[in-house]
Full PDB file with SEQRES, HELIX, SHEET, SSBOND, CRYST1, ORIGX, SCALE, CONECT and MASTER records, all heavy atoms in Angstrom:
SEQRES   1 A   32  MET ASP GLY VAL PRO ALA GLY ASP PRO ALA MET PRO LEU          
SEQRES   2 A   32  VAL ARG LYS THR HIS GLN THR ILE ARG LYS VAL THR GLU          
SEQRES   3 A   32  ASP ILE SER VAL ARG PHE                                      
HELIX    1 AA1 MET A   11  GLU A   26  1                                  16    
HELIX    2 AA2 ASP A   27  ARG A   31  3                                   5    
CRYST1    1.000    1.000    1.000  90.00  90.00  90.00 P 1           1          
ORIGX1      1.000000  0.000000  0.000000        0.00000                         
ORIGX2      0.000000  1.000000  0.000000        0.00000                         
ORIGX3      0.000000  0.000000  1.000000        0.00000                         
SCALE1      1.000000  0.000000  0.000000        0.00000                         
SCALE2      0.000000  1.000000  0.000000        0.00000                         
SCALE3      0.000000  0.000000  1.000000        0.00000                         
ATOM      1  N   MET A   1       0.815  -1.187  -0.011  1.00  0.00           N  
ATOM      2  CA  MET A   1       0.016  -0.010  -0.007  1.00  0.00           C  
ATOM      3  C   MET A   1       0.864   1.250   0.007  1.00  0.00           C  
ATOM      4  O   MET A   1       0.391   2.281  -0.439  1.00  0.00           O  
ATOM      5  CB  MET A   1      -0.905   0.000   1.197  1.00  0.00           C  
ATOM      6  CG  MET A   1      -2.107  -0.911   0.999  1.00  0.00           C  
ATOM      7  SD  MET A   1      -3.306  -0.843   2.310  1.00  0.00           S  
ATOM      8  CE  MET A   1      -3.688   0.876   2.407  1.00  0.00           C  
ATOM      9  N   ASP A   2       2.090   1.166   0.491  1.00  0.00           N  
ATOM     10  CA  ASP A   2       2.921   2.331   0.470  1.00  0.00           C  
ATOM     11  C   ASP A   2       3.259   2.757  -0.930  1.00  0.00           C  
ATOM     12  O   ASP A   2       3.653   3.930  -1.136  1.00  0.00           O  
ATOM     13  CB  ASP A   2       4.224   2.102   1.288  1.00  0.00           C  
ATOM     14  CG  ASP A   2       4.969   0.886   0.817  1.00  0.00           C  
ATOM     15  OD1 ASP A   2       4.440   0.062   0.072  1.00  0.00           O  
ATOM     16  OD2 ASP A   2       6.186   0.757   1.171  1.00  0.00           O  
ATOM     17  N   GLY A   3       3.070   1.907  -1.931  1.00  0.00           N  
ATOM     18  CA  GLY A   3       3.289   2.283  -3.285  1.00  0.00           C  
ATOM     19  C   GLY A   3       2.087   2.931  -3.939  1.00  0.00           C  
ATOM     20  O   GLY A   3       2.165   3.298  -5.092  1.00  0.00           O  
ATOM     21  N   VAL A   4       1.021   3.036  -3.195  1.00  0.00           N  
ATOM     22  CA  VAL A   4      -0.235   3.606  -3.743  1.00  0.00           C  
ATOM     23  C   VAL A   4      -0.684   4.757  -2.806  1.00  0.00           C  
ATOM     24  O   VAL A   4      -1.206   4.494  -1.754  1.00  0.00           O  
ATOM     25  CB  VAL A   4      -1.324   2.571  -3.863  1.00  0.00           C  
ATOM     26  CG1 VAL A   4      -2.578   3.194  -4.489  1.00  0.00           C  
ATOM     27  CG2 VAL A   4      -0.864   1.403  -4.698  1.00  0.00           C  
ATOM     28  N   PRO A   5      -0.432   6.013  -3.186  1.00  0.00           N  
ATOM     29  CA  PRO A   5      -0.840   7.136  -2.318  1.00  0.00           C  
ATOM     30  C   PRO A   5      -2.375   7.272  -2.253  1.00  0.00           C  
ATOM     31  O   PRO A   5      -3.061   6.920  -3.212  1.00  0.00           O  
ATOM     32  CB  PRO A   5      -0.176   8.341  -2.956  1.00  0.00           C  
ATOM     33  CG  PRO A   5       0.179   7.947  -4.346  1.00  0.00           C  
ATOM     34  CD  PRO A   5       0.251   6.433  -4.386  1.00  0.00           C  
ATOM     35  N   ALA A   6      -2.833   7.777  -1.123  1.00  0.00           N  
ATOM     36  CA  ALA A   6      -4.271   8.015  -0.990  1.00  0.00           C  
ATOM     37  C   ALA A   6      -4.780   8.912  -2.072  1.00  0.00           C  
ATOM     38  O   ALA A   6      -4.102   9.870  -2.450  1.00  0.00           O  
ATOM     39  CB  ALA A   6      -4.541   8.644   0.388  1.00  0.00           C  
ATOM     40  N   GLY A   7      -5.930   8.666  -2.592  1.00  0.00           N  
ATOM     41  CA  GLY A   7      -6.502   9.442  -3.663  1.00  0.00           C  
ATOM     42  C   GLY A   7      -6.051   9.047  -5.086  1.00  0.00           C  
ATOM     43  O   GLY A   7      -6.567   9.538  -6.055  1.00  0.00           O  
ATOM     44  N   ASP A   8      -5.093   8.137  -5.160  1.00  0.00           N  
ATOM     45  CA  ASP A   8      -4.621   7.658  -6.442  1.00  0.00           C  
ATOM     46  C   ASP A   8      -5.720   6.831  -7.133  1.00  0.00           C  
ATOM     47  O   ASP A   8      -6.489   6.137  -6.460  1.00  0.00           O  
ATOM     48  CB  ASP A   8      -3.370   6.829  -6.246  1.00  0.00           C  
ATOM     49  CG  ASP A   8      -2.673   6.480  -7.531  1.00  0.00           C  
ATOM     50  OD1 ASP A   8      -3.060   5.518  -8.205  1.00  0.00           O  
ATOM     51  OD2 ASP A   8      -1.711   7.218  -7.900  1.00  0.00           O  
ATOM     52  N   PRO A   9      -5.784   6.841  -8.471  1.00  0.00           N  
ATOM     53  CA  PRO A   9      -6.803   6.051  -9.136  1.00  0.00           C  
ATOM     54  C   PRO A   9      -6.660   4.515  -8.868  1.00  0.00           C  
ATOM     55  O   PRO A   9      -7.598   3.792  -9.098  1.00  0.00           O  
ATOM     56  CB  PRO A   9      -6.481   6.323 -10.661  1.00  0.00           C  
ATOM     57  CG  PRO A   9      -5.790   7.634 -10.652  1.00  0.00           C  
ATOM     58  CD  PRO A   9      -5.055   7.724  -9.345  1.00  0.00           C  
ATOM     59  N   ALA A  10      -5.487   4.101  -8.361  1.00  0.00           N  
ATOM     60  CA  ALA A  10      -5.334   2.663  -8.086  1.00  0.00           C  
ATOM     61  C   ALA A  10      -5.868   2.289  -6.718  1.00  0.00           C  
ATOM     62  O   ALA A  10      -5.984   1.086  -6.388  1.00  0.00           O  
ATOM     63  CB  ALA A  10      -3.835   2.311  -8.161  1.00  0.00           C  
ATOM     64  N   MET A  11      -6.209   3.254  -5.898  1.00  0.00           N  
ATOM     65  CA  MET A  11      -6.628   2.945  -4.504  1.00  0.00           C  
ATOM     66  C   MET A  11      -7.883   2.121  -4.433  1.00  0.00           C  
ATOM     67  O   MET A  11      -7.996   1.252  -3.570  1.00  0.00           O  
ATOM     68  CB  MET A  11      -6.825   4.253  -3.725  1.00  0.00           C  
ATOM     69  CG  MET A  11      -7.020   4.008  -2.232  1.00  0.00           C  
ATOM     70  SD  MET A  11      -5.814   2.870  -1.490  1.00  0.00           S  
ATOM     71  CE  MET A  11      -4.515   3.955  -1.130  1.00  0.00           C  
ATOM     72  N   PRO A  12      -8.906   2.249  -5.342  1.00  0.00           N  
ATOM     73  CA  PRO A  12     -10.059   1.340  -5.255  1.00  0.00           C  
ATOM     74  C   PRO A  12      -9.679  -0.129  -5.413  1.00  0.00           C  
ATOM     75  O   PRO A  12     -10.270  -0.979  -4.771  1.00  0.00           O  
ATOM     76  CB  PRO A  12     -10.966   1.800  -6.424  1.00  0.00           C  
ATOM     77  CG  PRO A  12     -10.611   3.302  -6.582  1.00  0.00           C  
ATOM     78  CD  PRO A  12      -9.145   3.375  -6.268  1.00  0.00           C  
ATOM     79  N   LEU A  13      -8.687  -0.439  -6.255  1.00  0.00           N  
ATOM     80  CA  LEU A  13      -8.243  -1.837  -6.383  1.00  0.00           C  
ATOM     81  C   LEU A  13      -7.547  -2.282  -5.144  1.00  0.00           C  
ATOM     82  O   LEU A  13      -7.732  -3.406  -4.672  1.00  0.00           O  
ATOM     83  CB  LEU A  13      -7.308  -1.950  -7.608  1.00  0.00           C  
ATOM     84  CG  LEU A  13      -6.761  -3.399  -7.841  1.00  0.00           C  
ATOM     85  CD1 LEU A  13      -7.942  -4.391  -8.041  1.00  0.00           C  
ATOM     86  CD2 LEU A  13      -5.801  -3.424  -9.029  1.00  0.00           C  
ATOM     87  N   VAL A  14      -6.718  -1.471  -4.516  1.00  0.00           N  
ATOM     88  CA  VAL A  14      -6.085  -1.778  -3.260  1.00  0.00           C  
ATOM     89  C   VAL A  14      -7.150  -2.076  -2.198  1.00  0.00           C  
ATOM     90  O   VAL A  14      -7.085  -3.041  -1.473  1.00  0.00           O  
ATOM     91  CB  VAL A  14      -5.118  -0.694  -2.787  1.00  0.00           C  
ATOM     92  CG1 VAL A  14      -4.546  -0.970  -1.390  1.00  0.00           C  
ATOM     93  CG2 VAL A  14      -3.926  -0.540  -3.765  1.00  0.00           C  
ATOM     94  N   ARG A  15      -8.154  -1.197  -2.143  1.00  0.00           N  
ATOM     95  CA  ARG A  15      -9.216  -1.331  -1.155  1.00  0.00           C  
ATOM     96  C   ARG A  15      -9.966  -2.662  -1.393  1.00  0.00           C  
ATOM     97  O   ARG A  15     -10.191  -3.420  -0.437  1.00  0.00           O  
ATOM     98  CB  ARG A  15     -10.125  -0.133  -1.253  1.00  0.00           C  
ATOM     99  CG  ARG A  15     -11.144  -0.076  -0.119  1.00  0.00           C  
ATOM    100  CD  ARG A  15     -11.967   1.278  -0.127  1.00  0.00           C  
ATOM    101  NE  ARG A  15     -11.079   2.427   0.048  1.00  0.00           N  
ATOM    102  CZ  ARG A  15     -10.880   3.334  -0.919  1.00  0.00           C  
ATOM    103  NH1 ARG A  15     -11.492   3.229  -2.102  1.00  0.00           N  
ATOM    104  NH2 ARG A  15     -10.092   4.351  -0.742  1.00  0.00           N  
ATOM    105  N   LYS A  16     -10.339  -2.915  -2.627  1.00  0.00           N  
ATOM    106  CA  LYS A  16     -11.034  -4.153  -2.962  1.00  0.00           C  
ATOM    107  C   LYS A  16     -10.189  -5.410  -2.641  1.00  0.00           C  
ATOM    108  O   LYS A  16     -10.719  -6.417  -2.156  1.00  0.00           O  
ATOM    109  CB  LYS A  16     -11.413  -4.180  -4.440  1.00  0.00           C  
ATOM    110  CG  LYS A  16     -12.139  -5.401  -4.905  1.00  0.00           C  
ATOM    111  CD  LYS A  16     -13.508  -5.563  -4.205  1.00  0.00           C  
ATOM    112  CE  LYS A  16     -14.284  -6.723  -4.824  1.00  0.00           C  
ATOM    113  NZ  LYS A  16     -15.561  -6.927  -4.161  1.00  0.00           N  
ATOM    114  N   THR A  17      -8.858  -5.325  -2.852  1.00  0.00           N  
ATOM    115  CA  THR A  17      -7.982  -6.420  -2.534  1.00  0.00           C  
ATOM    116  C   THR A  17      -8.041  -6.722  -1.052  1.00  0.00           C  
ATOM    117  O   THR A  17      -8.211  -7.889  -0.627  1.00  0.00           O  
ATOM    118  CB  THR A  17      -6.550  -6.118  -3.000  1.00  0.00           C  
ATOM    119  OG1 THR A  17      -6.548  -5.897  -4.390  1.00  0.00           O  
ATOM    120  CG2 THR A  17      -5.607  -7.255  -2.620  1.00  0.00           C  
ATOM    121  N   HIS A  18      -7.933  -5.687  -0.234  1.00  0.00           N  
ATOM    122  CA  HIS A  18      -7.957  -5.890   1.221  1.00  0.00           C  
ATOM    123  C   HIS A  18      -9.347  -6.351   1.728  1.00  0.00           C  
ATOM    124  O   HIS A  18      -9.437  -7.158   2.625  1.00  0.00           O  
ATOM    125  CB  HIS A  18      -7.479  -4.651   1.942  1.00  0.00           C  
ATOM    126  CG  HIS A  18      -5.987  -4.498   1.878  1.00  0.00           C  
ATOM    127  ND1 HIS A  18      -5.157  -5.073   2.759  1.00  0.00           N  
ATOM    128  CD2 HIS A  18      -5.234  -3.839   0.957  1.00  0.00           C  
ATOM    129  CE1 HIS A  18      -3.907  -4.813   2.418  1.00  0.00           C  
ATOM    130  NE2 HIS A  18      -3.934  -4.036   1.286  1.00  0.00           N  
ATOM    131  N   GLN A  19     -10.371  -5.846   1.107  1.00  0.00           N  
ATOM    132  CA  GLN A  19     -11.745  -6.306   1.447  1.00  0.00           C  
ATOM    133  C   GLN A  19     -11.921  -7.813   1.083  1.00  0.00           C  
ATOM    134  O   GLN A  19     -12.501  -8.581   1.875  1.00  0.00           O  
ATOM    135  CB  GLN A  19     -12.800  -5.501   0.729  1.00  0.00           C  
ATOM    136  CG  GLN A  19     -12.911  -4.067   1.203  1.00  0.00           C  
ATOM    137  CD  GLN A  19     -13.776  -3.180   0.320  1.00  0.00           C  
ATOM    138  OE1 GLN A  19     -14.104  -3.544  -0.798  1.00  0.00           O  
ATOM    139  NE2 GLN A  19     -14.183  -2.054   0.806  1.00  0.00           N  
ATOM    140  N   THR A  20     -11.304  -8.179  -0.030  1.00  0.00           N  
ATOM    141  CA  THR A  20     -11.410  -9.589  -0.457  1.00  0.00           C  
ATOM    142  C   THR A  20     -10.619 -10.492   0.508  1.00  0.00           C  
ATOM    143  O   THR A  20     -11.056 -11.585   0.847  1.00  0.00           O  
ATOM    144  CB  THR A  20     -10.919  -9.747  -1.889  1.00  0.00           C  
ATOM    145  OG1 THR A  20     -11.704  -8.918  -2.746  1.00  0.00           O  
ATOM    146  CG2 THR A  20     -11.007 -11.218  -2.370  1.00  0.00           C  
ATOM    147  N   ILE A  21      -9.408 -10.064   0.865  1.00  0.00           N  
ATOM    148  CA  ILE A  21      -8.597 -10.843   1.808  1.00  0.00           C  
ATOM    149  C   ILE A  21      -9.411 -11.016   3.118  1.00  0.00           C  
ATOM    150  O   ILE A  21      -9.483 -12.147   3.640  1.00  0.00           O  
ATOM    151  CB  ILE A  21      -7.260 -10.173   2.100  1.00  0.00           C  
ATOM    152  CG1 ILE A  21      -6.400 -10.158   0.839  1.00  0.00           C  
ATOM    153  CG2 ILE A  21      -6.535 -10.874   3.244  1.00  0.00           C  
ATOM    154  CD1 ILE A  21      -5.145  -9.273   0.915  1.00  0.00           C  
ATOM    155  N   ARG A  22     -10.021  -9.957   3.601  1.00  0.00           N  
ATOM    156  CA  ARG A  22     -10.769 -10.067   4.850  1.00  0.00           C  
ATOM    157  C   ARG A  22     -11.963 -11.040   4.668  1.00  0.00           C  
ATOM    158  O   ARG A  22     -12.176 -11.888   5.519  1.00  0.00           O  
ATOM    159  CB  ARG A  22     -11.299  -8.695   5.214  1.00  0.00           C  
ATOM    160  CG  ARG A  22     -12.116  -8.733   6.524  1.00  0.00           C  
ATOM    161  CD  ARG A  22     -12.592  -7.358   6.890  1.00  0.00           C  
ATOM    162  NE  ARG A  22     -13.340  -7.467   8.148  1.00  0.00           N  
ATOM    163  CZ  ARG A  22     -13.881  -6.471   8.746  1.00  0.00           C  
ATOM    164  NH1 ARG A  22     -13.760  -5.226   8.244  1.00  0.00           N  
ATOM    165  NH2 ARG A  22     -14.556  -6.629   9.882  1.00  0.00           N  
ATOM    166  N   LYS A  23     -12.693 -10.912   3.556  1.00  0.00           N  
ATOM    167  CA  LYS A  23     -13.888 -11.729   3.359  1.00  0.00           C  
ATOM    168  C   LYS A  23     -13.493 -13.212   3.221  1.00  0.00           C  
ATOM    169  O   LYS A  23     -14.106 -14.062   3.843  1.00  0.00           O  
ATOM    170  CB  LYS A  23     -14.620 -11.259   2.086  1.00  0.00           C  
ATOM    171  CG  LYS A  23     -15.787 -12.151   1.662  1.00  0.00           C  
ATOM    172  CD  LYS A  23     -17.082 -11.490   1.929  1.00  0.00           C  
ATOM    173  CE  LYS A  23     -18.257 -12.207   1.381  1.00  0.00           C  
ATOM    174  NZ  LYS A  23     -18.460 -13.575   1.723  1.00  0.00           N  
ATOM    175  N   VAL A  24     -12.440 -13.466   2.445  1.00  0.00           N  
ATOM    176  CA  VAL A  24     -12.041 -14.842   2.220  1.00  0.00           C  
ATOM    177  C   VAL A  24     -11.513 -15.448   3.537  1.00  0.00           C  
ATOM    178  O   VAL A  24     -11.822 -16.584   3.894  1.00  0.00           O  
ATOM    179  CB  VAL A  24     -11.003 -14.964   1.128  1.00  0.00           C  
ATOM    180  CG1 VAL A  24     -10.359 -16.350   1.005  1.00  0.00           C  
ATOM    181  CG2 VAL A  24     -11.615 -14.585  -0.221  1.00  0.00           C  
ATOM    182  N   THR A  25     -10.766 -14.683   4.270  1.00  0.00           N  
ATOM    183  CA  THR A  25     -10.256 -15.138   5.604  1.00  0.00           C  
ATOM    184  C   THR A  25     -11.422 -15.504   6.528  1.00  0.00           C  
ATOM    185  O   THR A  25     -11.414 -16.596   7.112  1.00  0.00           O  
ATOM    186  CB  THR A  25      -9.401 -14.028   6.258  1.00  0.00           C  
ATOM    187  OG1 THR A  25      -8.283 -13.725   5.369  1.00  0.00           O  
ATOM    188  CG2 THR A  25      -8.849 -14.488   7.583  1.00  0.00           C  
ATOM    189  N   GLU A  26     -12.420 -14.654   6.611  1.00  0.00           N  
ATOM    190  CA  GLU A  26     -13.556 -14.953   7.462  1.00  0.00           C  
ATOM    191  C   GLU A  26     -14.402 -16.135   6.932  1.00  0.00           C  
ATOM    192  O   GLU A  26     -14.834 -16.964   7.695  1.00  0.00           O  
ATOM    193  CB  GLU A  26     -14.423 -13.688   7.629  1.00  0.00           C  
ATOM    194  CG  GLU A  26     -13.751 -12.645   8.468  1.00  0.00           C  
ATOM    195  CD  GLU A  26     -14.483 -11.278   8.414  1.00  0.00           C  
ATOM    196  OE1 GLU A  26     -15.529 -11.129   7.766  1.00  0.00           O  
ATOM    197  OE2 GLU A  26     -13.963 -10.392   9.120  1.00  0.00           O  
ATOM    198  N   ASP A  27     -14.585 -16.134   5.595  1.00  0.00           N  
ATOM    199  CA  ASP A  27     -15.374 -17.241   5.027  1.00  0.00           C  
ATOM    200  C   ASP A  27     -14.731 -18.618   5.222  1.00  0.00           C  
ATOM    201  O   ASP A  27     -15.456 -19.598   5.458  1.00  0.00           O  
ATOM    202  CB  ASP A  27     -15.579 -17.022   3.498  1.00  0.00           C  
ATOM    203  CG  ASP A  27     -16.646 -15.965   3.218  1.00  0.00           C  
ATOM    204  OD1 ASP A  27     -17.357 -15.523   4.153  1.00  0.00           O  
ATOM    205  OD2 ASP A  27     -16.711 -15.534   2.051  1.00  0.00           O  
ATOM    206  N   ILE A  28     -13.427 -18.643   5.203  1.00  0.00           N  
ATOM    207  CA  ILE A  28     -12.709 -19.913   5.342  1.00  0.00           C  
ATOM    208  C   ILE A  28     -12.586 -20.325   6.816  1.00  0.00           C  
ATOM    209  O   ILE A  28     -12.883 -21.422   7.224  1.00  0.00           O  
ATOM    210  CB  ILE A  28     -11.330 -19.893   4.675  1.00  0.00           C  
ATOM    211  CG1 ILE A  28     -11.485 -19.882   3.145  1.00  0.00           C  
ATOM    212  CG2 ILE A  28     -10.491 -21.093   5.087  1.00  0.00           C  
ATOM    213  CD1 ILE A  28     -10.203 -19.735   2.412  1.00  0.00           C  
ATOM    214  N   SER A  29     -12.140 -19.338   7.671  1.00  0.00           N  
ATOM    215  CA  SER A  29     -11.770 -19.684   9.028  1.00  0.00           C  
ATOM    216  C   SER A  29     -12.920 -19.584  10.003  1.00  0.00           C  
ATOM    217  O   SER A  29     -12.863 -20.199  11.058  1.00  0.00           O  
ATOM    218  CB  SER A  29     -10.558 -18.847   9.495  1.00  0.00           C  
ATOM    219  OG  SER A  29     -10.920 -17.500   9.528  1.00  0.00           O  
ATOM    220  N   VAL A  30     -13.942 -18.802   9.707  1.00  0.00           N  
ATOM    221  CA  VAL A  30     -15.018 -18.593  10.708  1.00  0.00           C  
ATOM    222  C   VAL A  30     -16.293 -19.224  10.229  1.00  0.00           C  
ATOM    223  O   VAL A  30     -16.911 -20.033  10.923  1.00  0.00           O  
ATOM    224  CB  VAL A  30     -15.231 -17.065  10.941  1.00  0.00           C  
ATOM    225  CG1 VAL A  30     -16.396 -16.858  11.934  1.00  0.00           C  
ATOM    226  CG2 VAL A  30     -13.990 -16.430  11.492  1.00  0.00           C  
ATOM    227  N   ARG A  31     -16.714 -18.840   9.012  1.00  0.00           N  
ATOM    228  CA  ARG A  31     -18.060 -19.325   8.510  1.00  0.00           C  
ATOM    229  C   ARG A  31     -18.029 -20.640   7.783  1.00  0.00           C  
ATOM    230  O   ARG A  31     -19.072 -21.308   7.627  1.00  0.00           O  
ATOM    231  CB  ARG A  31     -18.629 -18.234   7.617  1.00  0.00           C  
ATOM    232  CG  ARG A  31     -18.918 -16.952   8.302  1.00  0.00           C  
ATOM    233  CD  ARG A  31     -19.403 -15.819   7.412  1.00  0.00           C  
ATOM    234  NE  ARG A  31     -19.479 -16.047   6.020  1.00  0.00           N  
ATOM    235  CZ  ARG A  31     -20.616 -16.083   5.310  1.00  0.00           C  
ATOM    236  NH1 ARG A  31     -21.749 -15.913   5.850  1.00  0.00           N  
ATOM    237  NH2 ARG A  31     -20.518 -16.291   3.988  1.00  0.00           N  
ATOM    238  N   PHE A  32     -16.833 -21.041   7.297  1.00  0.00           N  
ATOM    239  CA  PHE A  32     -16.680 -22.288   6.551  1.00  0.00           C  
ATOM    240  C   PHE A  32     -17.566 -22.321   5.260  1.00  0.00           C  
ATOM    241  O   PHE A  32     -18.063 -23.313   4.892  1.00  0.00           O  
ATOM    242  CB  PHE A  32     -16.976 -23.552   7.366  1.00  0.00           C  
ATOM    243  CG  PHE A  32     -16.159 -23.635   8.645  1.00  0.00           C  
ATOM    244  CD1 PHE A  32     -16.808 -23.484   9.855  1.00  0.00           C  
ATOM    245  CD2 PHE A  32     -14.818 -23.793   8.563  1.00  0.00           C  
ATOM    246  CE1 PHE A  32     -16.046 -23.531  11.049  1.00  0.00           C  
ATOM    247  CE2 PHE A  32     -14.064 -23.833   9.726  1.00  0.00           C  
ATOM    248  CZ  PHE A  32     -14.675 -23.707  10.970  1.00  0.00           C  
TER     249      PHE A  32                                                      
MASTER        0    0    0    2    0    0    0    6  248    1    0    3          
END                                                                             
């Protein structure tokens, strides 16, 4: 993320990547 400054056009992809990591982590380890 340090390679992507806030407000950069690439930030939505970084945000979606982290949201996906969180969702997949929870889906696998908590909700199955």
